[in-house]
Amino acid sequence: FIRRSDGNWTYAEVKSFEETPQGRASIRFIVNQKNSSKSYAKKYWKTHIRPLKITPKKNPSSSSVERRGRGR
């Protein structure tokens, strides 16, 4: 999520990592389906960017329970 000019937080996806001609780092985000973008200089990363926390899904086939076939 990124903080917009009006103070609201909006879901956005990273478009690119950029460097200005002055050598300053920034991140450009896509903010809507029209591909509008918003860029943040490094000094705003801590206050204006909130990354999502991704929780990995558990794979049922990699369970710790052993699968046993029927004995014959």
PDB file of N, CA and C in Angstrom:
ATOM      1  N   PHE A   1       0.839  -1.177   0.000  1.00  0.00           N
ATOM      2  CA  PHE A   1       0.000   0.000   0.000  1.00  0.00           C
ATOM      3  C   PHE A   1       0.882   1.237   0.000  1.00  0.00           C
ATOM      4  N   ILE A   2       0.386   2.282  -0.624  1.00  0.00           N
ATOM      5  CA  ILE A   2       1.108   3.556  -0.618  1.00  0.00           C
ATOM      6  C   ILE A   2       0.189   4.652  -0.096  1.00  0.00           C
ATOM      7  N   ARG A   3       0.811   5.637   0.499  1.00  0.00           N
ATOM      8  CA  ARG A   3       0.045   6.773   1.018  1.00  0.00           C
ATOM      9  C   ARG A   3      -0.061   7.825  -0.073  1.00  0.00           C
ATOM     10  N   ARG A   4      -1.291   8.194  -0.392  1.00  0.00           N
ATOM     11  CA  ARG A   4      -1.528   9.171  -1.445  1.00  0.00           C
ATOM     12  C   ARG A   4      -1.463  10.592  -0.911  1.00  0.00           C
ATOM     13  N   SER A   5      -1.511  11.564  -1.790  1.00  0.00           N
ATOM     14  CA  SER A   5      -1.422  12.982  -1.430  1.00  0.00           C
ATOM     15  C   SER A   5      -2.517  13.405  -0.458  1.00  0.00           C
ATOM     16  N   ASP A   6      -3.705  12.774  -0.587  1.00  0.00           N
ATOM     17  CA  ASP A   6      -4.824  13.134   0.288  1.00  0.00           C
ATOM     18  C   ASP A   6      -4.769  12.420   1.642  1.00  0.00           C
ATOM     19  N   GLY A   7      -3.716  11.612   1.874  1.00  0.00           N
ATOM     20  CA  GLY A   7      -3.559  10.918   3.146  1.00  0.00           C
ATOM     21  C   GLY A   7      -4.125   9.512   3.178  1.00  0.00           C
ATOM     22  N   ASN A   8      -4.881   9.129   2.155  1.00  0.00           N
ATOM     23  CA  ASN A   8      -5.455   7.785   2.101  1.00  0.00           C
ATOM     24  C   ASN A   8      -4.408   6.778   1.639  1.00  0.00           C
ATOM     25  N   TRP A   9      -4.573   5.528   2.098  1.00  0.00           N
ATOM     26  CA  TRP A   9      -3.695   4.440   1.681  1.00  0.00           C
ATOM     27  C   TRP A   9      -4.360   3.687   0.546  1.00  0.00           C
ATOM     28  N   THR A  10      -3.603   3.391  -0.521  1.00  0.00           N
ATOM     29  CA  THR A  10      -4.113   2.745  -1.715  1.00  0.00           C
ATOM     30  C   THR A  10      -3.228   1.556  -2.082  1.00  0.00           C
ATOM     31  N   TYR A  11      -3.879   0.466  -2.515  1.00  0.00           N
ATOM     32  CA  TYR A  11      -3.119  -0.680  -3.016  1.00  0.00           C
ATOM     33  C   TYR A  11      -2.407  -0.267  -4.295  1.00  0.00           C
ATOM     34  N   ALA A  12      -1.135  -0.641  -4.430  1.00  0.00           N
ATOM     35  CA  ALA A  12      -0.363  -0.324  -5.629  1.00  0.00           C
ATOM     36  C   ALA A  12       0.656  -1.432  -5.865  1.00  0.00           C
ATOM     37  N   GLU A  13       1.075  -1.569  -7.115  1.00  0.00           N
ATOM     38  CA  GLU A  13       2.092  -2.556  -7.474  1.00  0.00           C
ATOM     39  C   GLU A  13       3.336  -1.844  -7.977  1.00  0.00           C
ATOM     40  N   VAL A  14       4.489  -2.393  -7.629  1.00  0.00           N
ATOM     41  CA  VAL A  14       5.754  -1.793  -8.060  1.00  0.00           C
ATOM     42  C   VAL A  14       5.885  -1.921  -9.575  1.00  0.00           C
ATOM     43  N   LYS A  15       6.138  -0.816 -10.224  1.00  0.00           N
ATOM     44  CA  LYS A  15       6.385  -0.807 -11.664  1.00  0.00           C
ATOM     45  C   LYS A  15       7.878  -0.899 -11.931  1.00  0.00           C
ATOM     46  N   SER A  16       8.661  -0.081 -11.191  1.00  0.00           N
ATOM     47  CA  SER A  16      10.105  -0.082 -11.419  1.00  0.00           C
ATOM     48  C   SER A  16      10.844   0.587 -10.267  1.00  0.00           C
ATOM     49  N   PHE A  17      12.111   0.253 -10.183  1.00  0.00           N
ATOM     50  CA  PHE A  17      13.037   0.950  -9.298  1.00  0.00           C
ATOM     51  C   PHE A  17      13.825   1.885 -10.205  1.00  0.00           C
ATOM     52  N   GLU A  18      13.933   3.142  -9.807  1.00  0.00           N
ATOM     53  CA  GLU A  18      14.548   4.137 -10.680  1.00  0.00           C
ATOM     54  C   GLU A  18      15.629   4.920  -9.953  1.00  0.00           C
ATOM     55  N   GLU A  19      16.443   5.591 -10.735  1.00  0.00           N
ATOM     56  CA  GLU A  19      17.442   6.490 -10.194  1.00  0.00           C
ATOM     57  C   GLU A  19      17.338   7.807 -10.945  1.00  0.00           C
ATOM     58  N   THR A  20      17.280   8.911 -10.207  1.00  0.00           N
ATOM     59  CA  THR A  20      17.167  10.226 -10.823  1.00  0.00           C
ATOM     60  C   THR A  20      18.518  10.618 -11.426  1.00  0.00           C
ATOM     61  N   PRO A  21      18.538  11.620 -12.289  1.00  0.00           N
ATOM     62  CA  PRO A  21      19.816  12.085 -12.835  1.00  0.00           C
ATOM     63  C   PRO A  21      20.795  12.541 -11.741  1.00  0.00           C
ATOM     64  N   GLN A  22      20.258  12.899 -10.569  1.00  0.00           N
ATOM     65  CA  GLN A  22      21.105  13.308  -9.449  1.00  0.00           C
ATOM     66  C   GLN A  22      21.593  12.103  -8.639  1.00  0.00           C
ATOM     67  N   GLY A  23      21.215  10.880  -9.044  1.00  0.00           N
ATOM     68  CA  GLY A  23      21.669   9.670  -8.372  1.00  0.00           C
ATOM     69  C   GLY A  23      20.810   9.236  -7.195  1.00  0.00           C
ATOM     70  N   ARG A  24      19.613   9.793  -7.063  1.00  0.00           N
ATOM     71  CA  ARG A  24      18.721   9.444  -5.949  1.00  0.00           C
ATOM     72  C   ARG A  24      17.794   8.295  -6.350  1.00  0.00           C
ATOM     73  N   ALA A  25      17.625   7.353  -5.429  1.00  0.00           N
ATOM     74  CA  ALA A  25      16.785   6.185  -5.686  1.00  0.00           C
ATOM     75  C   ALA A  25      15.312   6.518  -5.479  1.00  0.00           C
ATOM     76  N   SER A  26      14.454   5.863  -6.277  1.00  0.00           N
ATOM     77  CA  SER A  26      13.005   6.003  -6.102  1.00  0.00           C
ATOM     78  C   SER A  26      12.327   4.718  -6.573  1.00  0.00           C
ATOM     79  N   ILE A  27      11.092   4.554  -6.128  1.00  0.00           N
ATOM     80  CA  ILE A  27      10.269   3.424  -6.567  1.00  0.00           C
ATOM     81  C   ILE A  27       9.023   3.989  -7.238  1.00  0.00           C
ATOM     82  N   ARG A  28       8.708   3.487  -8.416  1.00  0.00           N
ATOM     83  CA  ARG A  28       7.498   3.904  -9.130  1.00  0.00           C
ATOM     84  C   ARG A  28       6.455   2.802  -8.990  1.00  0.00           C
ATOM     85  N   PHE A  29       5.223   3.198  -8.650  1.00  0.00           N
ATOM     86  CA  PHE A  29       4.109   2.281  -8.444  1.00  0.00           C
ATOM     87  C   PHE A  29       3.001   2.515  -9.453  1.00  0.00           C
ATOM     88  N   ILE A  30       2.322   1.450  -9.862  1.00  0.00           N
ATOM     89  CA  ILE A  30       1.087   1.545 -10.642  1.00  0.00           C
ATOM     90  C   ILE A  30      -0.047   1.612  -9.623  1.00  0.00           C
ATOM     91  N   VAL A  31      -0.902   2.631  -9.727  1.00  0.00           N
ATOM     92  CA  VAL A  31      -1.910   2.855  -8.694  1.00  0.00           C
ATOM     93  C   VAL A  31      -3.349   2.551  -9.106  1.00  0.00           C
ATOM     94  N   ASN A  32      -3.581   2.305 -10.403  1.00  0.00           N
ATOM     95  CA  ASN A  32      -4.949   1.983 -10.826  1.00  0.00           C
ATOM     96  C   ASN A  32      -4.931   1.219 -12.151  1.00  0.00           C
ATOM     97  N   GLN A  33      -6.112   0.865 -12.620  1.00  0.00           N
ATOM     98  CA  GLN A  33      -6.217   0.075 -13.851  1.00  0.00           C
ATOM     99  C   GLN A  33      -5.901   0.882 -15.108  1.00  0.00           C
ATOM    100  N   LYS A  34      -5.823   2.193 -14.997  1.00  0.00           N
ATOM    101  CA  LYS A  34      -5.447   3.040 -16.129  1.00  0.00           C
ATOM    102  C   LYS A  34      -3.929   3.160 -16.259  1.00  0.00           C
ATOM    103  N   ASN A  35      -3.203   2.431 -15.413  1.00  0.00           N
ATOM    104  CA  ASN A  35      -1.736   2.465 -15.368  1.00  0.00           C
ATOM    105  C   ASN A  35      -1.170   3.817 -14.938  1.00  0.00           C
ATOM    106  N   SER A  36      -1.954   4.579 -14.177  1.00  0.00           N
ATOM    107  CA  SER A  36      -1.408   5.808 -13.597  1.00  0.00           C
ATOM    108  C   SER A  36      -0.328   5.402 -12.602  1.00  0.00           C
ATOM    109  N   SER A  37       0.682   6.255 -12.459  1.00  0.00           N
ATOM    110  CA  SER A  37       1.779   5.879 -11.577  1.00  0.00           C
ATOM    111  C   SER A  37       2.093   6.976 -10.576  1.00  0.00           C
ATOM    112  N   LYS A  38       2.777   6.552  -9.517  1.00  0.00           N
ATOM    113  CA  LYS A  38       3.212   7.461  -8.456  1.00  0.00           C
ATOM    114  C   LYS A  38       4.614   7.029  -8.073  1.00  0.00           C
ATOM    115  N   SER A  39       5.511   7.978  -7.919  1.00  0.00           N
ATOM    116  CA  SER A  39       6.898   7.676  -7.595  1.00  0.00           C
ATOM    117  C   SER A  39       7.242   8.253  -6.226  1.00  0.00           C
ATOM    118  N   TYR A  40       8.026   7.491  -5.444  1.00  0.00           N
ATOM    119  CA  TYR A  40       8.466   7.952  -4.132  1.00  0.00           C
ATOM    120  C   TYR A  40       9.981   7.898  -4.032  1.00  0.00           C
ATOM    121  N   ALA A  41      10.576   9.020  -3.615  1.00  0.00           N
ATOM    122  CA  ALA A  41      12.010   9.066  -3.346  1.00  0.00           C
ATOM    123  C   ALA A  41      12.303   8.263  -2.087  1.00  0.00           C
ATOM    124  N   LYS A  42      13.526   7.821  -1.940  1.00  0.00           N
ATOM    125  CA  LYS A  42      13.925   6.959  -0.827  1.00  0.00           C
ATOM    126  C   LYS A  42      13.562   7.552   0.535  1.00  0.00           C
ATOM    127  N   LYS A  43      13.647   8.861   0.691  1.00  0.00           N
ATOM    128  CA  LYS A  43      13.370   9.464   2.002  1.00  0.00           C
ATOM    129  C   LYS A  43      11.918   9.267   2.449  1.00  0.00           C
ATOM    130  N   TYR A  44      11.002   8.896   1.510  1.00  0.00           N
ATOM    131  CA  TYR A  44       9.592   8.667   1.850  1.00  0.00           C
ATOM    132  C   TYR A  44       9.237   7.183   2.002  1.00  0.00           C
ATOM    133  N   TRP A  45      10.166   6.283   1.763  1.00  0.00           N
ATOM    134  CA  TRP A  45       9.849   4.860   1.778  1.00  0.00           C
ATOM    135  C   TRP A  45       9.307   4.402   3.131  1.00  0.00           C
ATOM    136  N   LYS A  46       9.893   4.855   4.229  1.00  0.00           N
ATOM    137  CA  LYS A  46       9.450   4.409   5.560  1.00  0.00           C
ATOM    138  C   LYS A  46       8.082   4.954   5.939  1.00  0.00           C
ATOM    139  N   THR A  47       7.732   6.126   5.467  1.00  0.00           N
ATOM    140  CA  THR A  47       6.485   6.767   5.890  1.00  0.00           C
ATOM    141  C   THR A  47       5.339   6.618   4.897  1.00  0.00           C
ATOM    142  N   HIS A  48       5.631   6.342   3.619  1.00  0.00           N
ATOM    143  CA  HIS A  48       4.590   6.329   2.599  1.00  0.00           C
ATOM    144  C   HIS A  48       4.391   4.985   1.905  1.00  0.00           C
ATOM    145  N   ILE A  49       5.169   3.963   2.284  1.00  0.00           N
ATOM    146  CA  ILE A  49       5.040   2.650   1.648  1.00  0.00           C
ATOM    147  C   ILE A  49       4.866   1.589   2.722  1.00  0.00           C
ATOM    148  N   ARG A  50       3.840   0.750   2.568  1.00  0.00           N
ATOM    149  CA  ARG A  50       3.581  -0.363   3.475  1.00  0.00           C
ATOM    150  C   ARG A  50       3.468  -1.635   2.655  1.00  0.00           C
ATOM    151  N   PRO A  51       4.512  -2.478   2.673  1.00  0.00           N
ATOM    152  CA  PRO A  51       4.448  -3.714   1.881  1.00  0.00           C
ATOM    153  C   PRO A  51       3.448  -4.707   2.477  1.00  0.00           C
ATOM    154  N   LEU A  52       2.893  -5.532   1.613  1.00  0.00           N
ATOM    155  CA  LEU A  52       2.005  -6.598   2.070  1.00  0.00           C
ATOM    156  C   LEU A  52       2.837  -7.714   2.664  1.00  0.00           C
ATOM    157  N   LYS A  53       2.286  -8.362   3.664  1.00  0.00           N
ATOM    158  CA  LYS A  53       2.957  -9.528   4.232  1.00  0.00           C
ATOM    159  C   LYS A  53       2.337 -10.753   3.578  1.00  0.00           C
ATOM    160  N   ILE A  54       3.134 -11.483   2.823  1.00  0.00           N
ATOM    161  CA  ILE A  54       2.667 -12.669   2.120  1.00  0.00           C
ATOM    162  C   ILE A  54       2.907 -13.890   2.999  1.00  0.00           C
ATOM    163  N   THR A  55       1.854 -14.668   3.212  1.00  0.00           N
ATOM    164  CA  THR A  55       1.975 -15.899   3.970  1.00  0.00           C
ATOM    165  C   THR A  55       1.954 -17.062   2.996  1.00  0.00           C
ATOM    166  N   PRO A  56       3.017 -17.893   2.988  1.00  0.00           N
ATOM    167  CA  PRO A  56       3.035 -19.008   2.033  1.00  0.00           C
ATOM    168  C   PRO A  56       1.933 -20.015   2.344  1.00  0.00           C
ATOM    169  N   LYS A  57       1.348 -20.558   1.288  1.00  0.00           N
ATOM    170  CA  LYS A  57       0.318 -21.571   1.449  1.00  0.00           C
ATOM    171  C   LYS A  57       0.982 -22.897   1.760  1.00  0.00           C
ATOM    172  N   LYS A  58       0.319 -23.689   2.589  1.00  0.00           N
ATOM    173  CA  LYS A  58       0.838 -25.017   2.892  1.00  0.00           C
ATOM    174  C   LYS A  58       0.444 -25.959   1.779  1.00  0.00           C
ATOM    175  N   ASN A  59       1.384 -26.766   1.342  1.00  0.00           N
ATOM    176  CA  ASN A  59       1.144 -27.738   0.280  1.00  0.00           C
ATOM    177  C   ASN A  59       0.684 -29.047   0.930  1.00  0.00           C
ATOM    178  N   PRO A  60      -0.552 -29.487   0.672  1.00  0.00           N
ATOM    179  CA  PRO A  60      -1.049 -30.693   1.332  1.00  0.00           C
ATOM    180  C   PRO A  60      -0.236 -31.939   0.995  1.00  0.00           C
ATOM    181  N   SER A  61       0.414 -31.981  -0.154  1.00  0.00           N
ATOM    182  CA  SER A  61       1.194 -33.159  -0.522  1.00  0.00           C
ATOM    183  C   SER A  61       2.523 -33.211   0.223  1.00  0.00           C
ATOM    184  N   SER A  62       2.938 -32.113   0.851  1.00  0.00           N
ATOM    185  CA  SER A  62       4.188 -32.125   1.596  1.00  0.00           C
ATOM    186  C   SER A  62       3.932 -32.207   3.099  1.00  0.00           C
ATOM    187  N   SER A  63       2.818 -32.801   3.454  1.00  0.00           N
ATOM    188  CA  SER A  63       2.445 -32.947   4.850  1.00  0.00           C
ATOM    189  C   SER A  63       3.439 -33.847   5.576  1.00  0.00           C
ATOM    190  N   SER A  64       3.561 -33.651   6.870  1.00  0.00           N
ATOM    191  CA  SER A  64       4.476 -34.476   7.646  1.00  0.00           C
ATOM    192  C   SER A  64       3.874 -35.854   7.940  1.00  0.00           C
ATOM    193  N   VAL A  65       2.610 -36.039   7.601  1.00  0.00           N
ATOM    194  CA  VAL A  65       1.958 -37.327   7.803  1.00  0.00           C
ATOM    195  C   VAL A  65       2.371 -38.268   6.682  1.00  0.00           C
ATOM    196  N   GLU A  66       2.827 -39.471   7.053  1.00  0.00           N
ATOM    197  CA  GLU A  66       3.257 -40.449   6.047  1.00  0.00           C
ATOM    198  C   GLU A  66       2.041 -41.076   5.393  1.00  0.00           C
ATOM    199  N   ARG A  67       2.105 -41.264   4.093  1.00  0.00           N
ATOM    200  CA  ARG A  67       1.029 -41.954   3.385  1.00  0.00           C
ATOM    201  C   ARG A  67       1.413 -43.431   3.269  1.00  0.00           C
ATOM    202  N   ARG A  68       0.492 -44.269   3.652  1.00  0.00           N
ATOM    203  CA  ARG A  68       0.764 -45.702   3.603  1.00  0.00           C
ATOM    204  C   ARG A  68      -0.295 -46.396   2.771  1.00  0.00           C
ATOM    205  N   GLY A  69       0.168 -47.258   1.899  1.00  0.00           N
ATOM    206  CA  GLY A  69      -0.758 -48.046   1.080  1.00  0.00           C
ATOM    207  C   GLY A  69      -1.289 -49.229   1.872  1.00  0.00           C
ATOM    208  N   ARG A  70      -2.280 -49.896   1.329  1.00  0.00           N
ATOM    209  CA  ARG A  70      -2.835 -51.080   1.986  1.00  0.00           C
ATOM    210  C   ARG A  70      -1.899 -52.250   1.799  1.00  0.00           C
ATOM    211  N   GLY A  71      -1.628 -52.956   2.853  1.00  0.00           N
ATOM    212  CA  GLY A  71      -0.797 -54.154   2.769  1.00  0.00           C
ATOM    213  C   GLY A  71      -1.534 -55.286   2.101  1.00  0.00           C
ATOM    214  N   ARG A  72      -0.849 -56.195   1.384  1.00  0.00           N
ATOM    215  CA  ARG A  72      -1.521 -57.316   0.724  1.00  0.00           C
ATOM    216  C   ARG A  72      -1.016 -58.587   1.256  1.00  0.00           C
TER     217      ARG A  72
END
